[in-house]
């Protein structure tokens, strides 16, 4: 399991604009996807984990470590113990509807 790179980020007591956020605040820091700036964003990152595309398994493992760390910081109950529980199959863009 990779070590988490996530760190809380506030500027003068207020969160900054997304463009001002450092990579360390994202679940997927290399891709700057899924900011973890508060409890609601942590929950959103969990819910959307399988929607993030074009990332490796190593990136997903890193993201899960970051989500775990942010969840603990923001006191979010995280039932999952592995990124595999959040969605093994990333959703594809432009999926065709089944008929």
C-alpha atoms as a PDB file:
ATOM      1  CA  UNK A   1       0.000   0.000   0.000  1.00  0.00           C
ATOM      2  CA  UNK A   2       1.491   3.350  -0.971  1.00  0.00           C
ATOM      3  CA  UNK A   3       1.931   6.057   1.609  1.00  0.00           C
ATOM      4  CA  UNK A   4      -0.661   8.819   1.464  1.00  0.00           C
ATOM      5  CA  UNK A   5       0.445  12.143  -0.021  1.00  0.00           C
ATOM      6  CA  UNK A   6      -2.733  14.029   0.973  1.00  0.00           C
ATOM      7  CA  UNK A   7      -2.447  17.062   3.227  1.00  0.00           C
ATOM      8  CA  UNK A   8      -5.210  19.406   4.376  1.00  0.00           C
ATOM      9  CA  UNK A   9      -5.031  22.786   2.714  1.00  0.00           C
ATOM     10  CA  UNK A  10      -6.534  26.031   3.865  1.00  0.00           C
ATOM     11  CA  UNK A  11      -5.492  29.554   3.107  1.00  0.00           C
ATOM     12  CA  UNK A  12      -6.066  32.087   5.871  1.00  0.00           C
ATOM     13  CA  UNK A  13      -8.764  29.834   7.284  1.00  0.00           C
ATOM     14  CA  UNK A  14     -10.664  29.639   3.989  1.00  0.00           C
ATOM     15  CA  UNK A  15     -10.362  27.134   1.220  1.00  0.00           C
ATOM     16  CA  UNK A  16      -8.803  28.471  -1.943  1.00  0.00           C
ATOM     17  CA  UNK A  17     -10.102  28.264  -5.483  1.00  0.00           C
ATOM     18  CA  UNK A  18      -9.560  24.908  -7.203  1.00  0.00           C
ATOM     19  CA  UNK A  19      -6.850  26.340  -9.448  1.00  0.00           C
ATOM     20  CA  UNK A  20      -4.900  27.435  -6.363  1.00  0.00           C
ATOM     21  CA  UNK A  21      -4.948  24.009  -4.717  1.00  0.00           C
ATOM     22  CA  UNK A  22      -1.677  22.087  -4.454  1.00  0.00           C
ATOM     23  CA  UNK A  23      -1.426  18.561  -5.880  1.00  0.00           C
ATOM     24  CA  UNK A  24      -1.291  17.213  -2.320  1.00  0.00           C
ATOM     25  CA  UNK A  25      -4.994  17.963  -1.749  1.00  0.00           C
ATOM     26  CA  UNK A  26      -6.207  15.611  -4.510  1.00  0.00           C
ATOM     27  CA  UNK A  27      -7.032  11.923  -4.248  1.00  0.00           C
ATOM     28  CA  UNK A  28      -5.315  11.504  -7.641  1.00  0.00           C
ATOM     29  CA  UNK A  29      -2.492  14.064  -7.311  1.00  0.00           C
ATOM     30  CA  UNK A  30      -0.777  13.440 -10.670  1.00  0.00           C
ATOM     31  CA  UNK A  31      -4.041  13.930 -12.528  1.00  0.00           C
ATOM     32  CA  UNK A  32      -5.386  16.603 -10.132  1.00  0.00           C
ATOM     33  CA  UNK A  33      -8.673  14.711  -9.857  1.00  0.00           C
ATOM     34  CA  UNK A  34     -11.023  14.454  -6.876  1.00  0.00           C
ATOM     35  CA  UNK A  35     -10.053  17.263  -4.467  1.00  0.00           C
ATOM     36  CA  UNK A  36     -10.345  16.286  -0.808  1.00  0.00           C
ATOM     37  CA  UNK A  37     -10.970  19.669   0.781  1.00  0.00           C
ATOM     38  CA  UNK A  38     -13.764  18.765   3.207  1.00  0.00           C
ATOM     39  CA  UNK A  39     -15.952  15.866   4.335  1.00  0.00           C
ATOM     40  CA  UNK A  40     -18.387  16.264   1.421  1.00  0.00           C
ATOM     41  CA  UNK A  41     -15.539  16.106  -1.116  1.00  0.00           C
ATOM     42  CA  UNK A  42     -14.228  12.948   0.549  1.00  0.00           C
ATOM     43  CA  UNK A  43     -17.664  11.339   0.194  1.00  0.00           C
ATOM     44  CA  UNK A  44     -17.829  12.481  -3.443  1.00  0.00           C
ATOM     45  CA  UNK A  45     -14.389  11.015  -4.176  1.00  0.00           C
ATOM     46  CA  UNK A  46     -15.546   7.669  -2.802  1.00  0.00           C
ATOM     47  CA  UNK A  47     -18.760   7.776  -4.822  1.00  0.00           C
ATOM     48  CA  UNK A  48     -16.998   8.753  -8.053  1.00  0.00           C
ATOM     49  CA  UNK A  49     -13.902   6.596  -7.645  1.00  0.00           C
ATOM     50  CA  UNK A  50     -14.881   4.217 -10.457  1.00  0.00           C
ATOM     51  CA  UNK A  51     -15.635   7.141 -12.788  1.00  0.00           C
ATOM     52  CA  UNK A  52     -12.023   8.307 -12.912  1.00  0.00           C
ATOM     53  CA  UNK A  53     -10.541   7.109 -16.193  1.00  0.00           C
ATOM     54  CA  UNK A  54      -7.014   6.868 -17.604  1.00  0.00           C
ATOM     55  CA  UNK A  55      -5.347   6.028 -14.293  1.00  0.00           C
ATOM     56  CA  UNK A  56      -3.274   2.979 -13.371  1.00  0.00           C
ATOM     57  CA  UNK A  57      -3.863   0.537 -10.544  1.00  0.00           C
ATOM     58  CA  UNK A  58      -0.960   2.204  -8.733  1.00  0.00           C
ATOM     59  CA  UNK A  59      -2.707   5.571  -9.111  1.00  0.00           C
ATOM     60  CA  UNK A  60      -5.892   4.038  -7.683  1.00  0.00           C
ATOM     61  CA  UNK A  61      -3.982   2.580  -4.723  1.00  0.00           C
ATOM     62  CA  UNK A  62      -2.410   6.015  -4.096  1.00  0.00           C
ATOM     63  CA  UNK A  63      -5.803   7.699  -4.365  1.00  0.00           C
ATOM     64  CA  UNK A  64      -7.337   5.288  -1.873  1.00  0.00           C
ATOM     65  CA  UNK A  65      -4.527   5.955   0.609  1.00  0.00           C
ATOM     66  CA  UNK A  66      -5.205   9.679   0.204  1.00  0.00           C
ATOM     67  CA  UNK A  67      -8.951   9.192   0.629  1.00  0.00           C
ATOM     68  CA  UNK A  68      -8.354   7.157   3.803  1.00  0.00           C
ATOM     69  CA  UNK A  69      -6.148   9.877   5.262  1.00  0.00           C
ATOM     70  CA  UNK A  70      -8.592  12.659   4.380  1.00  0.00           C
ATOM     71  CA  UNK A  71     -11.538  10.622   5.705  1.00  0.00           C
ATOM     72  CA  UNK A  72      -9.793  10.238   9.042  1.00  0.00           C
ATOM     73  CA  UNK A  73      -8.953  13.959   9.162  1.00  0.00           C
ATOM     74  CA  UNK A  74     -12.534  15.036   8.344  1.00  0.00           C
ATOM     75  CA  UNK A  75     -14.091  12.293  10.495  1.00  0.00           C
ATOM     76  CA  UNK A  76     -15.782  10.516   7.572  1.00  0.00           C
ATOM     77  CA  UNK A  77     -16.685   6.877   8.197  1.00  0.00           C
ATOM     78  CA  UNK A  78     -15.042   4.879   5.417  1.00  0.00           C
ATOM     79  CA  UNK A  79     -16.387   1.326   5.315  1.00  0.00           C
ATOM     80  CA  UNK A  80     -14.109   0.190   2.477  1.00  0.00           C
ATOM     81  CA  UNK A  81     -10.667  -1.188   3.297  1.00  0.00           C
ATOM     82  CA  UNK A  82      -9.310  -1.423  -0.260  1.00  0.00           C
ATOM     83  CA  UNK A  83      -9.655   0.554  -3.473  1.00  0.00           C
ATOM     84  CA  UNK A  84     -10.918  -2.635  -5.110  1.00  0.00           C
ATOM     85  CA  UNK A  85     -14.137  -2.219  -3.123  1.00  0.00           C
ATOM     86  CA  UNK A  86     -14.747   1.192  -4.725  1.00  0.00           C
ATOM     87  CA  UNK A  87     -15.002  -0.003  -8.298  1.00  0.00           C
ATOM     88  CA  UNK A  88     -12.812  -2.437 -10.112  1.00  0.00           C
ATOM     89  CA  UNK A  89     -14.075  -1.479 -13.566  1.00  0.00           C
ATOM     90  CA  UNK A  90     -13.748   2.203 -14.438  1.00  0.00           C
ATOM     91  CA  UNK A  91     -16.715   3.496 -16.348  1.00  0.00           C
ATOM     92  CA  UNK A  92     -16.142   4.139 -20.026  1.00  0.00           C
ATOM     93  CA  UNK A  93     -16.924   7.374 -21.814  1.00  0.00           C
ATOM     94  CA  UNK A  94     -19.759   7.109 -24.293  1.00  0.00           C
ATOM     95  CA  UNK A  95     -21.058   3.765 -23.091  1.00  0.00           C
ATOM     96  CA  UNK A  96     -23.820   2.516 -25.306  1.00  0.00           C
ATOM     97  CA  UNK A  97     -27.199   1.975 -23.739  1.00  0.00           C
ATOM     98  CA  UNK A  98     -28.301  -1.613 -23.556  1.00  0.00           C
ATOM     99  CA  UNK A  99     -31.612  -2.353 -25.139  1.00  0.00           C
END
